[in-house]
Amino acid sequence: MRGSTTYLLGLFTVIAGLHIGRLEAGQASATGQRGRGSQEPGPTITVAGRTFTQASLFQRNIGGPDDQTTPFPPHKVIGNIYYVGTKSLAAFLVVTPQGNILINSTYERNVPTIQKSIEQLGFKFSDTKILLGSHAHGDHQEGDAMVKQLTGAQVIVMAEDVPALRAMKPGGKEHPIDKIIHDADSVTLGGTTLVAHLTPGHTRGCTTWTMRVPEGGKSYDVVIIGSFGTNPGFKLVNNPDAPQIADEFRRTFKVARSLHCDVPLGSHPGMYNLEEKFAKLGKGSNPFIDPAGYKLEVDIDEAMFNAVLAEQQKALSGGD
């Protein structure tokens, strides 16, 4: 048990550094300086009988030491949406008659894994025509340059994430940006349209994608959450790089609650309980149709945001 605890604390330090310690690299404008030490558990919340600390919610998303690179079985989610990511880093393929859209390249080292998953499903990686992302952290968009190199896909990014993406240069490679979009813009290919919703806070340009897909004679609203999470180390009070970060999070939760969702997905599989739902595939109705699960995720993330904000405000005022 002690060894497991030591591992978790170390993992928080390493991965929180990847997400939060980007200030030196010019990639952390959303989070700014560290708040509490990244090894501390942070505040505790309980929502619908589920209890999380800030650290354990973060851990739910990032998984174990190998989960970010271990492939998860590729599978059809619903309609023309397929999962092609790893155990803890989601990547989705949207298939159309005019080519395909890939959402999230994840780490550069995962690009061959994503390619293999796409091919296992019977599709061609070279048919990837558009590359989208959830937000400008390396575990979601570091591989953009390699995907661009291998497929020639058009890389489309949210305006507010452009500075952080341009600073993301794996192996010294420039980050490709072919088209810049803004809140409520749409991306269409082969009769499929995705709408970009700016949901800032986690990063300045964090993007939640929505689309409508047909299956079984019905149409379903799909929401691919960029991230509503408040990672360990996020500074929500007196953040010099993002002075309005708390207001940005508040705006995000308002947007999130305005979206009608039948099928919740997310940049981390933990956001929509992928493993549990995958085990139910083929055993009845589609388990990914889960509107209550979407509401629960928003409730959890908003409760954690409020708890972290209250903690930081209390610390600033000198409260015990």
Protein backbone atom coordinates (compact mmCIF):
# COMPACT_ATOMS: atom_id res chain seq x y z
CA MET A 1 0.00 0.00 0.00
CA ARG A 2 2.83 2.32 0.92
CA GLY A 3 4.53 1.68 -2.41
CA SER A 4 1.30 2.40 -4.25
CA THR A 5 0.90 5.70 -2.40
CA THR A 6 4.47 6.69 -3.21
CA TYR A 7 3.88 5.90 -6.87
CA LEU A 8 0.70 7.98 -6.98
CA LEU A 9 2.37 10.98 -5.40
CA GLY A 10 5.23 10.74 -7.85
CA LEU A 11 2.83 10.39 -10.75
CA PHE A 12 0.91 13.48 -9.66
CA THR A 13 4.18 15.41 -9.63
CA VAL A 14 5.27 14.24 -13.08
CA ILE A 15 1.96 14.62 -14.88
CA ALA A 16 0.92 17.76 -13.08
CA GLY A 17 4.23 19.10 -14.31
CA LEU A 18 3.24 18.20 -17.86
CA HIS A 19 -0.08 20.00 -17.50
CA ILE A 20 0.76 22.80 -15.11
CA GLY A 21 4.47 23.39 -15.25
CA ARG A 22 4.27 24.69 -18.78
CA LEU A 23 4.76 28.26 -17.73
CA GLU A 24 8.47 28.01 -18.46
CA ALA A 25 7.70 26.61 -21.91
CA GLY A 26 5.09 29.21 -22.68
CA GLN A 27 2.25 26.71 -22.68
CA ALA A 28 0.44 27.33 -19.39
CA SER A 29 -1.38 30.57 -19.91
CA ALA A 30 -4.58 28.93 -18.71
CA THR A 31 -3.23 27.67 -15.42
CA GLY A 32 -0.52 30.13 -14.49
CA GLN A 33 1.61 29.52 -11.42
CA ARG A 34 1.06 26.49 -9.24
CA GLY A 35 -1.43 26.67 -6.43
CA ARG A 36 -0.94 24.12 -3.64
CA GLY A 37 1.77 21.52 -4.01
CA SER A 38 0.75 19.02 -6.66
CA GLN A 39 1.25 16.09 -4.25
CA GLU A 40 -1.46 17.24 -1.84
CA PRO A 41 -4.92 15.65 -2.22
CA GLY A 42 -6.80 18.95 -2.28
CA PRO A 43 -10.43 19.48 -1.28
CA THR A 44 -12.96 16.65 -1.13
CA ILE A 45 -16.37 16.61 -2.80
CA THR A 46 -19.24 14.13 -2.80
CA VAL A 47 -21.71 14.15 -5.70
CA ALA A 48 -24.47 11.56 -6.11
CA GLY A 49 -22.75 9.29 -3.61
CA ARG A 50 -19.35 9.51 -5.32
CA THR A 51 -16.48 11.05 -3.35
CA PHE A 52 -13.35 12.53 -4.91
CA THR A 53 -10.40 14.58 -3.83
CA GLN A 54 -8.93 16.93 -6.38
CA ALA A 55 -6.00 14.54 -6.79
CA SER A 56 -8.16 11.41 -7.10
CA LEU A 57 -10.34 13.01 -9.78
CA PHE A 58 -7.20 13.89 -11.70
CA GLN A 59 -5.98 10.31 -11.19
CA ARG A 60 -9.28 8.95 -12.51
CA ASN A 61 -8.55 10.69 -15.78
CA ILE A 62 -4.86 9.97 -16.27
CA GLY A 63 -4.94 6.37 -15.06
CA GLY A 64 -1.93 4.24 -14.17
CA PRO A 65 1.69 4.49 -15.33
CA ASP A 66 1.13 2.74 -18.66
CA ASP A 67 -2.47 3.71 -19.38
CA GLN A 68 -1.56 6.77 -21.44
CA THR A 69 0.27 4.62 -24.00
CA THR A 70 -1.46 1.23 -23.79
CA PRO A 71 -4.02 0.88 -26.61
CA PHE A 72 -7.66 0.34 -25.71
CA PRO A 73 -9.55 -2.00 -28.05
CA PRO A 74 -10.74 0.13 -30.98
CA HIS A 75 -14.50 0.05 -31.34
CA LYS A 76 -17.56 1.72 -32.75
CA VAL A 77 -19.15 4.14 -30.31
CA ILE A 78 -22.27 5.17 -32.20
CA GLY A 79 -23.15 6.11 -35.77
CA ASN A 80 -19.94 7.03 -37.59
CA ILE A 81 -17.87 7.64 -34.43
CA TYR A 82 -15.12 5.20 -33.44
CA TYR A 83 -12.72 5.04 -30.50
CA VAL A 84 -9.03 4.77 -31.48
CA GLY A 85 -7.21 5.98 -28.36
CA THR A 86 -5.39 4.48 -25.38
CA LYS A 87 -6.66 3.41 -21.97
CA SER A 88 -6.55 6.95 -20.58
CA LEU A 89 -6.13 9.27 -23.58
CA ALA A 90 -9.13 9.40 -25.90
CA ALA A 91 -8.93 9.74 -29.66
CA PHE A 92 -11.98 9.51 -31.91
CA LEU A 93 -12.34 8.82 -35.61
CA VAL A 94 -15.36 10.29 -37.39
CA VAL A 95 -15.84 8.45 -40.67
CA THR A 96 -17.40 10.11 -43.73
CA PRO A 97 -17.65 9.29 -47.46
CA GLN A 98 -15.18 12.12 -48.23
CA GLY A 99 -12.54 11.09 -45.72
CA ASN A 100 -12.25 11.01 -41.96
CA ILE A 101 -11.86 13.39 -39.03
CA LEU A 102 -9.50 12.54 -36.18
CA ILE A 103 -10.10 14.18 -32.80
CA ASN A 104 -6.96 14.25 -30.62
CA SER A 105 -3.53 13.01 -31.69
CA THR A 106 -2.47 12.56 -28.02
CA TYR A 107 1.28 12.18 -27.46
CA GLU A 108 3.49 11.89 -30.52
CA ARG A 109 4.60 8.44 -29.39
CA ASN A 110 0.95 7.31 -29.54
CA VAL A 111 0.41 8.21 -33.18
CA PRO A 112 1.47 4.73 -34.42
CA THR A 113 -0.95 3.22 -31.89
CA ILE A 114 -3.78 5.40 -33.21
CA GLN A 115 -2.86 4.46 -36.77
CA LYS A 116 -2.94 0.75 -35.91
CA SER A 117 -6.32 1.10 -34.19
CA ILE A 118 -7.76 2.87 -37.23
CA GLU A 119 -6.47 0.13 -39.50
CA GLN A 120 -7.82 -2.61 -37.21
CA LEU A 121 -11.26 -1.09 -37.72
CA GLY A 122 -10.82 -1.42 -41.48
CA PHE A 123 -10.11 2.23 -42.28
CA LYS A 124 -7.06 3.88 -43.81
CA PHE A 125 -4.99 6.27 -41.74
CA SER A 126 -4.20 8.13 -44.97
CA ASP A 127 -7.92 8.94 -45.30
CA THR A 128 -7.64 11.31 -42.32
CA LYS A 129 -8.51 14.67 -43.88
CA ILE A 130 -9.06 16.83 -40.79
CA LEU A 131 -7.37 16.81 -37.37
CA LEU A 132 -9.13 18.47 -34.42
CA GLY A 133 -8.15 18.72 -30.76
CA SER A 134 -9.72 19.09 -27.35
CA HIS A 135 -7.17 21.41 -25.73
CA ALA A 136 -3.54 22.50 -25.90
CA HIS A 137 -1.90 20.03 -23.54
CA GLY A 138 0.70 17.62 -24.83
CA ASP A 139 -1.21 14.51 -23.85
CA HIS A 140 -3.95 15.51 -26.28
CA GLN A 141 -2.27 17.42 -29.13
CA GLU A 142 1.48 16.81 -29.07
CA GLY A 143 1.17 14.37 -31.98
CA ASP A 144 -0.44 16.87 -34.36
CA ALA A 145 2.75 17.40 -36.36
CA MET A 146 3.28 13.67 -36.91
CA VAL A 147 -0.34 13.12 -37.96
CA LYS A 148 -0.01 16.02 -40.38
CA GLN A 149 3.23 14.58 -41.74
CA LEU A 150 1.77 11.09 -42.25
CA THR A 151 -1.67 11.99 -43.59
CA GLY A 152 -1.59 15.58 -44.84
CA ALA A 153 -4.66 16.29 -42.69
CA GLN A 154 -5.80 19.88 -42.23
CA VAL A 155 -5.11 20.89 -38.62
CA ILE A 156 -7.92 23.06 -37.25
CA VAL A 157 -7.53 24.75 -33.84
CA MET A 158 -9.43 27.10 -31.53
CA ALA A 159 -8.05 30.66 -31.61
CA GLU A 160 -7.49 30.94 -27.87
CA ASP A 161 -5.22 27.86 -27.86
CA VAL A 162 -2.98 29.05 -30.69
CA PRO A 163 -0.17 30.48 -28.47
CA ALA A 164 0.08 27.31 -26.39
CA LEU A 165 0.04 25.09 -29.48
CA ARG A 166 2.71 27.12 -31.22
CA ALA A 167 4.92 26.56 -28.18
CA MET A 168 4.35 22.79 -28.41
CA LYS A 169 7.28 21.54 -30.49
CA PRO A 170 8.07 17.84 -29.98
CA GLY A 171 11.56 17.16 -31.26
CA GLY A 172 11.78 20.77 -32.37
CA LYS A 173 9.01 20.35 -34.95
CA GLU A 174 6.76 23.35 -35.55
CA HIS A 175 3.16 22.78 -34.52
CA PRO A 176 1.00 22.77 -37.67
CA ILE A 177 -1.95 25.15 -37.72
CA ASP A 178 -3.83 25.25 -41.00
CA LYS A 179 -7.06 26.91 -39.91
CA ILE A 180 -8.08 28.91 -36.85
CA ILE A 181 -11.67 28.74 -35.66
CA HIS A 182 -13.73 30.50 -32.99
CA ASP A 183 -16.57 29.68 -30.62
CA ALA A 184 -19.64 28.25 -32.41
CA ASP A 185 -17.79 27.67 -35.68
CA SER A 186 -18.49 24.40 -37.44
CA VAL A 187 -16.33 21.86 -39.25
CA THR A 188 -18.01 19.85 -42.01
CA LEU A 189 -16.78 16.90 -44.05
CA GLY A 190 -18.74 14.36 -46.07
CA GLY A 191 -22.12 15.39 -44.69
CA THR A 192 -21.00 15.31 -41.05
CA THR A 193 -20.82 18.58 -39.09
CA LEU A 194 -19.11 19.16 -35.76
CA VAL A 195 -19.67 22.38 -33.81
CA ALA A 196 -16.87 23.86 -31.69
CA HIS A 197 -17.88 25.22 -28.28
CA LEU A 198 -15.28 27.28 -26.45
CA THR A 199 -15.19 25.88 -22.90
CA PRO A 200 -12.16 27.65 -21.38
CA GLY A 201 -10.53 27.30 -17.99
CA HIS A 202 -8.64 24.04 -18.36
CA THR A 203 -6.85 25.85 -21.19
CA ARG A 204 -7.75 29.19 -22.76
CA GLY A 205 -9.04 27.50 -25.91
CA CYS A 206 -10.37 24.25 -24.49
CA THR A 207 -12.96 23.00 -26.99
CA THR A 208 -16.01 20.82 -26.51
CA TRP A 209 -17.24 19.34 -29.78
CA THR A 210 -20.84 18.46 -30.53
CA MET A 211 -22.37 16.56 -33.40
CA ARG A 212 -25.60 14.76 -34.25
CA VAL A 213 -25.41 11.17 -35.43
CA PRO A 214 -28.04 8.73 -36.71
CA GLU A 215 -28.31 5.15 -35.49
CA GLY A 216 -31.15 2.68 -35.59
CA GLY A 217 -33.56 5.13 -37.13
CA LYS A 218 -32.95 7.75 -34.44
CA SER A 219 -30.63 10.72 -34.10
CA TYR A 220 -28.46 11.34 -31.07
CA ASP A 221 -26.65 14.39 -29.75
CA VAL A 222 -23.01 13.61 -29.02
CA VAL A 223 -20.88 15.84 -26.75
CA ILE A 224 -17.11 15.31 -26.72
CA ILE A 225 -15.95 17.11 -23.58
CA GLY A 226 -12.68 19.00 -23.95
CA SER A 227 -12.19 19.16 -20.19
CA PHE A 228 -14.10 20.78 -17.36
CA GLY A 229 -11.44 19.73 -14.85
CA THR A 230 -9.51 21.75 -12.26
CA ASN A 231 -6.17 19.93 -12.10
CA PRO A 232 -3.96 19.94 -9.00
CA GLY A 233 -1.90 23.12 -9.19
CA PHE A 234 -4.39 25.24 -11.11
CA LYS A 235 -4.36 28.78 -9.76
CA LEU A 236 -7.88 30.17 -9.76
CA VAL A 237 -7.20 33.29 -7.69
CA ASN A 238 -4.81 36.12 -8.68
CA ASN A 239 -3.61 34.24 -11.75
CA PRO A 240 -1.28 36.65 -13.61
CA ASP A 241 -1.51 34.76 -16.90
CA ALA A 242 -5.28 34.29 -16.88
CA PRO A 243 -6.77 36.89 -14.50
CA GLN A 244 -10.33 35.85 -15.39
CA ILE A 245 -9.76 32.10 -15.14
CA ALA A 246 -12.49 31.61 -12.53
CA ASP A 247 -14.98 33.46 -14.73
CA GLU A 248 -13.87 31.35 -17.69
CA PHE A 249 -14.65 28.18 -15.75
CA ARG A 250 -18.03 29.59 -14.74
CA ARG A 251 -18.79 30.33 -18.38
CA THR A 252 -17.78 26.80 -19.30
CA PHE A 253 -20.19 25.21 -16.85
CA LYS A 254 -22.97 27.44 -18.15
CA VAL A 255 -22.19 26.31 -21.71
CA ALA A 256 -21.92 22.67 -20.64
CA ARG A 257 -25.36 22.76 -19.06
CA SER A 258 -26.86 24.36 -22.16
CA LEU A 259 -25.81 21.48 -24.41
CA HIS A 260 -28.27 18.68 -24.99
CA CYS A 261 -26.41 15.41 -24.67
CA ASP A 262 -27.44 11.83 -25.39
CA VAL A 263 -23.94 10.42 -25.77
CA PRO A 264 -21.20 11.89 -23.55
CA LEU A 265 -17.59 11.36 -24.60
CA GLY A 266 -14.43 13.12 -23.46
CA SER A 267 -10.72 13.70 -23.90
CA HIS A 268 -10.10 11.16 -21.12
CA PRO A 269 -12.14 7.92 -21.10
CA GLY A 270 -12.64 8.27 -17.35
CA MET A 271 -14.90 11.23 -18.07
CA TYR A 272 -17.53 8.88 -19.49
CA ASN A 273 -16.71 5.50 -17.87
CA LEU A 274 -15.40 3.89 -21.05
CA GLU A 275 -14.27 0.59 -19.53
CA GLU A 276 -17.60 -0.05 -17.83
CA LYS A 277 -19.58 0.82 -20.95
CA PHE A 278 -17.29 -1.09 -23.32
CA ALA A 279 -17.90 -4.26 -21.31
CA LYS A 280 -21.64 -3.87 -22.01
CA LEU A 281 -21.33 -3.49 -25.79
CA GLY A 282 -23.43 -6.04 -27.68
CA LYS A 283 -25.40 -7.00 -24.58
CA GLY A 284 -28.43 -4.82 -25.12
CA SER A 285 -28.97 -1.16 -25.92
CA ASN A 286 -25.96 1.01 -26.71
CA PRO A 287 -24.31 1.75 -23.32
CA PHE A 288 -22.78 4.96 -24.62
CA ILE A 289 -26.25 6.53 -24.73
CA ASP A 290 -26.09 8.04 -21.25
CA PRO A 291 -27.56 11.53 -20.80
CA ALA A 292 -27.54 11.12 -17.01
CA GLY A 293 -23.82 10.34 -17.14
CA TYR A 294 -23.15 13.66 -18.87
CA LYS A 295 -25.03 15.62 -16.23
CA LEU A 296 -23.18 13.76 -13.48
CA GLU A 297 -19.79 14.58 -15.00
CA VAL A 298 -20.67 18.27 -15.22
CA ASP A 299 -21.92 18.20 -11.62
CA ILE A 300 -18.71 16.56 -10.39
CA ASP A 301 -16.40 18.94 -12.24
CA GLU A 302 -18.34 22.03 -11.19
CA ALA A 303 -18.42 20.93 -7.56
CA MET A 304 -14.65 20.41 -7.62
CA PHE A 305 -14.08 23.79 -9.24
CA ASN A 306 -16.16 25.49 -6.55
CA ALA A 307 -14.32 23.61 -3.80
CA VAL A 308 -10.89 24.49 -5.15
CA LEU A 309 -11.88 28.12 -5.67
CA ALA A 310 -13.24 28.37 -2.12
CA GLU A 311 -10.05 26.84 -0.72
CA GLN A 312 -7.84 29.28 -2.60
CA GLN A 313 -10.00 32.27 -1.67
CA LYS A 314 -9.87 31.24 1.99
CA ALA A 315 -6.09 30.85 1.87
CA LEU A 316 -5.75 34.29 0.31
CA SER A 317 -7.85 35.87 3.05
CA GLY A 318 -5.85 34.13 5.73
CA GLY A 319 -8.72 31.92 6.87
CA ASP A 320 -8.04 28.75 8.84
